[in-house]
Amino acid sequence: MNSYVYVTCYNRFENLAHAPSGKPSKDGIHVFSMDREDGKLTWHSAENSCPNPAFVRFHPHHDMLYTCSESITDNDRLYSYEVGKDGKLELSERRDLGGKSACFLTIDKPRRHLLYVNYWDSTLGTVHLNENGRVGELKHLVRTEKNVVARHRGDHLENRQSESHAHCIVLDRSGRVAFVPDLGRDVVHQFVYNDNTGELVAAGRINASNVVGPHGPRYLDFHPTLNCAYLINELSCTISVFEINNEAISEGAGEFLHLRQTISTLPAEGSGGVKSTCGRISVHESGNFLFASNRGHDSLSVYRIQEPSGDLEFLHCTKTGGKTPRHFKFEPTGRWCYVANQDSNDVAVLKFDEQDGTLTWTSKYFVNSPNFIAITGERPHSQHYHWLPEPQTTVQPTKPHEEPVKI
């Protein structure tokens, strides 16, 4: 079976929450065929129906690809595509997501719903998926905090922590609790999730760190086997390592994550005086390493994961050969890493050696304003759901610290 790499790109800059410095892309999604022996890419096709596509999720059992537009001026939409045997995309449905600057998609354990986040107005929603992966209507929409008044981009860039900005939504391995890092509030919101109805009920929140910020929590990733989760903090360039409280998750009460370690994403000498922020975080396919991207320092940080605690040992930072590595993805064997260097208009390819944990830059491909990498056969986010047994206790939501607003 052929392997394909999908690179989503920004093709409009004026309606984004941030200010890219690369070149707008003519096409929203570029499709490359991938050679798994040497990691080389060959341009295959392009798709341009979605403006500013900024995230991709594959259906775990059907040839469906989902992406979302990104805009601070108009409600964003979910776009679903059928994926052909030749890797080409055919638009299937569009759905209004009821908010602005959509930035993350998740599919639940029984594959009944797709969950998403709108960053600009800090709303979360669920969309029904039918048995063949087709998209239904929006079912539930909530706001993480009551007083959210998104401002214009200039003010946001200076004062992004003046209000709530949910950045992703990740389900724990049981599929019962959704975690929502809030870049604007330095917290991670907890929601009890009903996979029958798609409803999210607030169940408190935890601090992103135990030291004074700003931190800007951005993404969260669970380890596939160890009892830990990793939170990347965009503004403080740190990673918070949490122990999972499975008993609390089963009961639906208390703090579901307990902080055990905070570690920098930059080398001991720092960023060399260059302003840097963090992008993506990801556990390697082997489960033995963790990676984080630094935008400004323009590198990938590599850590060895200690067993059984899940604590991190910093190994090194490797330059990505470009500017602003917004996103990266390993192909299924874990040997080749593809990095979206957004502001230098290229996708870099790095080779990873599991024996010593080194990354070696091999090549780059010209792509305007790449922001996300998706690869056929990649580890689905829902893989994590199958590692823990189903809790027997019915989850009952607790009273939240601040009740979210139903829209």
Protein backbone atom coordinates (compact mmCIF):
# COMPACT_ATOMS: atom_id res chain seq x y z
CA MET A 1 0.00 0.00 0.00
CA ASN A 2 1.30 3.46 -0.90
CA SER A 3 1.97 5.92 1.90
CA TYR A 4 0.97 9.57 1.57
CA VAL A 5 1.97 12.68 3.46
CA TYR A 6 -0.64 15.48 3.70
CA VAL A 7 0.70 18.97 4.35
CA THR A 8 -1.83 21.65 5.23
CA CYS A 9 -0.83 25.25 4.51
CA TYR A 10 -2.00 28.76 5.27
CA ASN A 11 -3.30 30.51 2.16
CA ARG A 12 -4.68 33.64 3.88
CA PHE A 13 -2.76 35.58 6.52
CA GLU A 14 -4.98 38.56 7.34
CA ASN A 15 -7.57 36.51 9.27
CA LEU A 16 -5.21 34.49 11.49
CA ALA A 17 -4.66 34.99 15.23
CA HIS A 18 -0.90 35.06 14.67
CA ALA A 19 1.21 36.80 12.02
CA PRO A 20 3.12 34.39 9.75
CA SER A 21 6.16 35.74 7.91
CA GLY A 22 6.33 33.16 5.13
CA LYS A 23 4.51 33.18 1.81
CA PRO A 24 0.79 32.30 1.49
CA SER A 25 0.25 28.99 -0.25
CA LYS A 26 -1.75 28.75 -3.45
CA ASP A 27 -3.27 25.43 -2.32
CA GLY A 28 -4.52 24.51 1.13
CA ILE A 29 -3.50 20.84 1.16
CA HIS A 30 -0.52 19.32 -0.65
CA VAL A 31 -0.33 15.54 -1.05
CA PHE A 32 3.03 13.78 -1.33
CA SER A 33 3.82 10.11 -1.84
CA MET A 34 6.41 8.86 0.64
CA ASP A 35 9.21 6.32 0.24
CA ARG A 36 9.55 4.61 3.62
CA GLU A 37 13.00 3.26 2.75
CA ASP A 38 14.70 6.64 2.45
CA GLY A 39 12.01 9.08 3.63
CA LYS A 40 11.89 10.94 0.31
CA LEU A 41 8.74 12.74 -0.80
CA THR A 42 7.28 13.13 -4.28
CA TRP A 43 4.59 15.75 -4.92
CA HIS A 44 1.38 14.00 -5.92
CA SER A 45 -1.63 16.35 -5.92
CA ALA A 46 -3.27 19.31 -4.17
CA GLU A 47 -6.70 20.24 -2.78
CA ASN A 48 -7.98 23.77 -2.24
CA SER A 49 -11.58 23.69 -0.98
CA CYS A 50 -10.73 24.51 2.66
CA PRO A 51 -9.31 27.99 3.41
CA ASN A 52 -6.43 27.96 5.91
CA PRO A 53 -6.65 24.26 6.79
CA ALA A 54 -4.78 23.93 10.07
CA PHE A 55 -5.35 20.47 11.56
CA VAL A 56 -5.93 16.96 10.22
CA ARG A 57 -7.43 13.84 11.73
CA PHE A 58 -7.92 10.50 9.95
CA HIS A 59 -10.85 8.22 10.74
CA PRO A 60 -9.37 5.07 12.36
CA HIS A 61 -11.46 2.63 10.25
CA HIS A 62 -12.62 4.44 7.13
CA ASP A 63 -10.81 6.26 4.35
CA MET A 64 -11.88 9.65 5.63
CA LEU A 65 -9.79 12.74 6.38
CA TYR A 66 -11.04 15.67 8.45
CA THR A 67 -9.62 19.17 8.60
CA CYS A 68 -10.83 22.59 9.77
CA SER A 69 -10.47 26.13 8.52
CA GLU A 70 -8.80 28.76 10.71
CA SER A 71 -10.08 32.34 10.88
CA ILE A 72 -10.66 35.01 13.55
CA THR A 73 -13.17 36.91 11.41
CA ASP A 74 -15.69 34.21 10.46
CA ASN A 75 -17.06 31.02 11.95
CA ASP A 76 -14.84 28.16 10.95
CA ARG A 77 -15.96 24.93 9.29
CA LEU A 78 -15.15 21.27 9.50
CA TYR A 79 -14.28 19.75 6.11
CA SER A 80 -14.44 15.99 5.56
CA TYR A 81 -12.91 14.22 2.58
CA GLU A 82 -12.96 10.74 1.15
CA VAL A 83 -9.40 9.50 0.60
CA GLY A 84 -8.94 7.63 -2.69
CA LYS A 85 -6.59 4.69 -3.19
CA ASP A 86 -4.30 7.10 -5.01
CA GLY A 87 -4.27 9.43 -1.98
CA LYS A 88 -6.35 12.13 -3.64
CA LEU A 89 -9.06 13.88 -1.64
CA GLU A 90 -12.71 14.29 -2.59
CA LEU A 91 -14.75 16.73 -0.53
CA SER A 92 -17.63 15.08 1.29
CA GLU A 93 -19.17 17.58 3.76
CA ARG A 94 -18.75 21.01 5.33
CA ARG A 95 -20.09 21.84 8.80
CA ASP A 96 -20.16 25.16 10.67
CA LEU A 97 -18.26 24.83 13.97
CA GLY A 98 -19.97 27.71 15.76
CA GLY A 99 -16.79 29.64 16.56
CA LYS A 100 -13.56 31.16 15.30
CA SER A 101 -9.97 29.95 14.87
CA ALA A 102 -10.62 26.19 15.00
CA CYS A 103 -7.37 24.46 15.91
CA PHE A 104 -7.82 20.85 17.10
CA LEU A 105 -9.86 17.73 16.27
CA THR A 106 -10.32 14.49 18.24
CA ILE A 107 -12.39 11.36 17.53
CA ASP A 108 -13.88 9.56 20.54
CA LYS A 109 -13.40 5.92 21.49
CA PRO A 110 -16.60 4.46 19.91
CA ARG A 111 -16.12 6.74 16.87
CA ARG A 112 -19.55 8.35 17.37
CA HIS A 113 -18.35 11.92 17.61
CA LEU A 114 -15.62 14.28 16.54
CA LEU A 115 -14.63 16.80 19.22
CA TYR A 116 -13.02 20.16 18.41
CA VAL A 117 -11.77 23.46 19.81
CA ASN A 118 -12.24 27.04 18.60
CA TYR A 119 -9.25 28.97 19.97
CA TRP A 120 -10.39 32.58 19.46
CA ASP A 121 -13.61 32.42 21.48
CA SER A 122 -12.55 29.39 23.56
CA THR A 123 -15.47 27.16 22.61
CA LEU A 124 -15.58 23.36 22.51
CA GLY A 125 -17.98 21.29 20.46
CA THR A 126 -18.92 17.82 19.28
CA VAL A 127 -20.10 16.71 15.86
CA HIS A 128 -21.85 13.40 15.20
CA LEU A 129 -20.11 10.78 13.02
CA ASN A 130 -22.20 8.05 11.42
CA GLU A 131 -21.07 4.46 10.92
CA ASN A 132 -19.17 5.13 7.71
CA GLY A 133 -17.40 8.20 9.10
CA ARG A 134 -19.67 10.76 7.47
CA VAL A 135 -20.13 14.01 9.37
CA GLY A 136 -23.49 14.90 10.90
CA GLU A 137 -24.65 18.05 12.62
CA LEU A 138 -23.07 19.92 15.52
CA LYS A 139 -24.54 18.47 18.73
CA HIS A 140 -23.04 20.34 21.68
CA LEU A 141 -21.17 23.62 22.06
CA VAL A 142 -19.79 25.00 25.35
CA ARG A 143 -17.45 27.82 26.32
CA THR A 144 -14.65 27.21 28.80
CA GLU A 145 -15.29 30.49 30.66
CA LYS A 146 -18.15 32.95 30.85
CA ASN A 147 -16.36 36.20 30.03
CA VAL A 148 -14.57 35.73 26.74
CA VAL A 149 -14.33 38.75 24.46
CA ALA A 150 -11.80 38.04 21.71
CA ARG A 151 -9.96 41.15 20.59
CA HIS A 152 -8.28 42.06 17.33
CA ARG A 153 -5.05 40.32 16.34
CA GLY A 154 -2.68 43.10 17.36
CA ASP A 155 -4.01 43.22 20.89
CA HIS A 156 -4.06 39.43 21.07
CA LEU A 157 -0.37 39.17 20.17
CA GLU A 158 0.49 41.51 23.06
CA ASN A 159 -2.07 40.29 25.60
CA ARG A 160 -2.94 36.73 24.70
CA GLN A 161 -3.34 35.83 28.37
CA SER A 162 -5.96 38.49 29.03
CA GLU A 163 -8.73 35.95 28.39
CA SER A 164 -9.40 32.26 27.93
CA HIS A 165 -8.01 30.55 24.80
CA ALA A 166 -8.64 26.80 24.67
CA HIS A 167 -6.00 25.23 22.42
CA CYS A 168 -6.77 21.51 22.19
CA ILE A 169 -9.09 18.80 23.48
CA VAL A 170 -7.66 15.37 24.33
CA LEU A 171 -9.52 12.38 25.77
CA ASP A 172 -7.82 10.22 28.36
CA ARG A 173 -7.17 6.56 27.53
CA SER A 174 -10.52 5.44 28.95
CA GLY A 175 -12.27 7.97 26.72
CA ARG A 176 -14.26 9.27 29.71
CA VAL A 177 -12.53 12.57 30.47
CA ALA A 178 -11.57 15.39 28.10
CA PHE A 179 -8.64 17.66 28.94
CA VAL A 180 -8.52 21.18 27.47
CA PRO A 181 -5.31 23.21 27.84
CA ASP A 182 -6.17 26.90 28.12
CA LEU A 183 -3.31 29.07 26.82
CA GLY A 184 -4.92 32.22 28.18
CA ARG A 185 -5.51 31.02 31.74
CA ASP A 186 -2.51 28.75 32.42
CA VAL A 187 -4.81 25.89 33.35
CA VAL A 188 -6.06 22.62 31.94
CA HIS A 189 -9.85 22.35 32.06
CA GLN A 190 -11.35 18.94 32.88
CA PHE A 191 -14.62 17.75 31.34
CA VAL A 192 -16.51 14.51 31.85
CA TYR A 193 -17.47 13.26 28.41
CA ASN A 194 -20.58 11.24 27.46
CA ASP A 195 -19.78 9.33 24.28
CA ASN A 196 -23.45 8.40 23.77
CA THR A 197 -24.66 11.99 23.57
CA GLY A 198 -21.44 13.87 22.85
CA GLU A 199 -22.01 16.09 25.88
CA LEU A 200 -19.14 17.71 27.81
CA VAL A 201 -19.71 18.57 31.49
CA ALA A 202 -17.15 20.70 33.35
CA ALA A 203 -15.34 18.92 36.20
CA GLY A 204 -12.82 21.47 37.50
CA ARG A 205 -9.37 22.40 36.31
CA ILE A 206 -5.70 21.99 37.20
CA ASN A 207 -2.77 24.39 37.01
CA ALA A 208 -0.36 24.00 34.12
CA SER A 209 2.61 24.42 36.46
CA ASN A 210 3.42 24.99 40.12
CA VAL A 211 5.53 28.10 39.44
CA VAL A 212 4.47 31.59 38.36
CA GLY A 213 3.82 31.96 34.61
CA PRO A 214 2.98 32.97 32.02
CA HIS A 215 3.09 29.41 30.66
CA GLY A 216 0.54 29.20 27.85
CA PRO A 217 -0.43 25.49 27.91
CA ARG A 218 -0.90 24.39 24.29
CA TYR A 219 -1.02 20.61 23.66
CA LEU A 220 -1.32 17.47 25.79
CA ASP A 221 -0.19 13.94 24.91
CA PHE A 222 -0.75 10.71 26.87
CA HIS A 223 1.86 7.98 26.99
CA PRO A 224 0.51 4.77 25.38
CA THR A 225 1.52 2.46 28.26
CA LEU A 226 2.90 4.44 31.22
CA ASN A 227 0.65 6.22 33.68
CA CYS A 228 1.59 9.73 32.62
CA ALA A 229 0.71 12.66 30.37
CA TYR A 230 2.80 15.48 28.92
CA LEU A 231 1.74 19.12 28.59
CA ILE A 232 3.73 21.57 26.47
CA ASN A 233 3.66 25.19 27.60
CA GLU A 234 4.02 27.52 24.61
CA LEU A 235 5.09 30.72 26.37
CA SER A 236 7.43 29.40 29.09
CA CYS A 237 9.04 26.79 26.79
CA THR A 238 8.53 24.03 29.35
CA ILE A 239 6.94 20.59 29.56
CA SER A 240 4.83 19.59 32.56
CA VAL A 241 4.85 15.86 33.30
CA PHE A 242 1.71 14.59 35.05
CA GLU A 243 0.82 11.34 36.78
CA ILE A 244 -2.69 10.16 35.87
CA ASN A 245 -5.11 9.68 38.77
CA ASN A 246 -7.14 6.78 37.34
CA GLU A 247 -9.22 6.39 40.51
CA ALA A 248 -10.36 10.01 40.30
CA ILE A 249 -11.15 9.59 36.59
CA SER A 250 -13.28 6.53 37.38
CA GLU A 251 -15.16 8.47 40.06
CA GLY A 252 -15.35 11.69 38.04
CA ALA A 253 -14.16 13.76 40.99
CA GLY A 254 -10.99 15.59 41.99
CA GLU A 255 -7.85 16.41 40.06
CA PHE A 256 -7.36 13.84 37.34
CA LEU A 257 -3.68 14.74 36.81
CA HIS A 258 -0.94 15.33 39.40
CA LEU A 259 2.19 17.30 38.46
CA ARG A 260 5.47 15.39 38.94
CA GLN A 261 8.07 17.20 36.82
CA THR A 262 8.68 20.44 34.91
CA ILE A 263 11.50 20.55 32.35
CA SER A 264 12.68 23.12 29.79
CA THR A 265 12.39 22.55 26.05
CA LEU A 266 15.58 24.56 25.45
CA PRO A 267 19.23 23.58 26.05
CA ALA A 268 21.01 24.74 29.20
CA GLU A 269 22.44 27.77 27.38
CA GLY A 270 18.91 28.86 26.42
CA SER A 271 17.70 30.17 23.07
CA GLY A 272 20.70 32.35 22.31
CA GLY A 273 18.76 35.54 22.95
CA VAL A 274 16.13 34.72 20.31
CA LYS A 275 12.50 34.80 21.41
CA SER A 276 11.16 31.26 21.25
CA THR A 277 7.79 29.59 21.80
CA CYS A 278 6.77 25.96 21.73
CA GLY A 279 4.69 24.19 19.10
CA ARG A 280 3.91 20.48 19.11
CA ILE A 281 4.63 17.72 21.64
CA SER A 282 4.52 14.01 20.83
CA VAL A 283 5.50 10.65 22.30
CA HIS A 284 7.55 8.67 19.78
CA GLU A 285 6.04 5.56 18.21
CA SER A 286 8.37 3.37 20.30
CA GLY A 287 7.11 4.92 23.56
CA ASN A 288 10.75 5.46 24.63
CA PHE A 289 11.22 9.09 23.57
CA LEU A 290 9.35 12.39 23.56
CA PHE A 291 9.75 15.30 21.14
CA ALA A 292 8.81 18.98 21.29
CA SER A 293 9.23 21.78 18.75
CA ASN A 294 10.74 25.21 19.48
CA ARG A 295 9.72 28.12 17.26
CA GLY A 296 12.42 30.81 17.30
CA HIS A 297 15.16 28.47 18.47
CA ASP A 298 13.92 26.44 15.46
CA SER A 299 14.66 23.03 16.84
CA LEU A 300 13.20 19.75 18.03
CA SER A 301 13.90 18.84 21.66
CA VAL A 302 14.50 15.14 22.29
CA TYR A 303 13.93 13.42 25.64
CA ARG A 304 14.33 9.87 26.85
CA ILE A 305 11.28 8.66 28.80
CA GLN A 306 12.18 6.98 32.10
CA GLU A 307 10.30 3.87 33.20
CA PRO A 308 8.13 3.36 35.13
CA SER A 309 7.66 7.00 36.20
CA GLY A 310 7.45 8.58 32.74
CA ASP A 311 9.82 11.38 33.84
CA LEU A 312 11.90 13.00 31.10
CA GLU A 313 15.67 13.07 30.58
CA PHE A 314 16.74 15.85 28.20
CA LEU A 315 19.03 14.55 25.46
CA HIS A 316 19.52 17.37 22.95
CA CYS A 317 17.99 19.95 20.59
CA THR A 318 18.35 19.41 16.85
CA LYS A 319 17.88 22.28 14.41
CA THR A 320 15.14 21.70 11.86
CA GLY A 321 16.90 23.49 9.02
CA GLY A 322 14.15 26.10 8.71
CA LYS A 323 12.14 28.73 10.58
CA THR A 324 9.22 28.24 12.98
CA PRO A 325 8.64 24.46 13.21
CA ARG A 326 4.92 24.67 13.91
CA HIS A 327 4.23 20.95 13.58
CA PHE A 328 6.00 17.65 13.01
CA LYS A 329 5.01 14.02 12.54
CA PHE A 330 6.80 10.65 12.51
CA GLU A 331 5.78 8.08 9.93
CA PRO A 332 4.59 4.71 11.37
CA THR A 333 8.02 3.04 11.66
CA GLY A 334 9.33 5.97 13.71
CA ARG A 335 12.44 6.38 11.52
CA TRP A 336 11.50 9.49 9.54
CA CYS A 337 10.28 12.77 10.99
CA TYR A 338 8.62 15.43 8.81
CA VAL A 339 8.70 19.01 10.10
CA ALA A 340 6.52 21.91 8.92
CA ASN A 341 8.86 24.92 8.98
CA GLN A 342 6.10 27.48 8.58
CA ASP A 343 8.02 30.72 8.08
CA SER A 344 10.77 29.39 5.79
CA ASN A 345 8.25 27.73 3.47
CA ASP A 346 9.56 24.18 3.65
CA VAL A 347 9.03 20.67 5.01
CA ALA A 348 12.21 19.18 6.46
CA VAL A 349 12.96 15.46 6.73
CA LEU A 350 14.99 14.16 9.68
CA LYS A 351 16.14 10.61 10.35
CA PHE A 352 15.83 9.24 13.89
CA ASP A 353 18.12 6.64 15.46
CA GLU A 354 16.39 4.80 18.30
CA GLN A 355 19.69 3.40 19.57
CA ASP A 356 21.21 6.70 20.64
CA GLY A 357 18.26 9.10 20.28
CA THR A 358 19.86 11.27 17.60
CA LEU A 359 18.06 13.16 14.85
CA THR A 360 19.85 13.84 11.57
CA TRP A 361 18.63 16.39 9.03
CA THR A 362 18.48 14.82 5.54
CA SER A 363 16.53 17.06 3.15
CA LYS A 364 13.80 19.68 2.70
CA TYR A 365 10.93 20.30 0.28
CA PHE A 366 9.57 23.67 -0.83
CA VAL A 367 6.01 24.21 0.50
CA ASN A 368 4.58 27.66 1.26
CA SER A 369 3.47 28.25 4.88
CA PRO A 370 3.09 24.60 6.00
CA ASN A 371 1.38 24.26 9.38
CA PHE A 372 0.45 20.58 9.86
CA ILE A 373 1.68 17.13 8.78
CA ALA A 374 -0.53 14.03 8.50
CA ILE A 375 0.61 10.61 7.27
CA THR A 376 -1.47 7.62 6.18
CA GLY A 377 -1.05 4.75 8.62
CA GLU A 378 0.03 7.09 11.42
CA ARG A 379 -0.75 6.14 14.98
CA PRO A 380 -4.35 7.24 15.53
CA HIS A 381 -4.93 9.42 18.55
CA SER A 382 -7.57 6.91 19.68
CA GLN A 383 -4.95 4.15 19.95
CA HIS A 384 -4.39 5.32 23.51
CA TYR A 385 -7.94 4.35 24.44
CA HIS A 386 -7.24 0.62 24.26
CA TRP A 387 -4.42 0.49 26.79
CA LEU A 388 -6.48 0.74 29.99
CA PRO A 389 -9.39 -1.52 30.97
CA GLU A 390 -12.85 -0.03 30.94
CA PRO A 391 -13.61 1.45 34.38
CA GLN A 392 -16.59 -0.22 36.04
CA THR A 393 -17.67 2.81 38.03
CA THR A 394 -20.14 5.20 36.43
CA VAL A 395 -18.62 8.67 36.09
CA GLN A 396 -20.60 11.45 37.74
CA PRO A 397 -19.48 15.04 37.08
CA THR A 398 -18.53 17.25 39.99
CA LYS A 399 -19.34 20.93 40.36
CA PRO A 400 -16.75 22.88 38.34
CA HIS A 401 -14.72 25.80 39.64
CA GLU A 402 -16.29 27.97 36.98
CA GLU A 403 -19.34 26.75 35.10
CA PRO A 404 -18.85 26.90 31.32
CA VAL A 405 -21.42 28.61 29.19
CA LYS A 406 -23.69 26.52 27.00
CA ILE A 407 -24.03 28.19 23.62
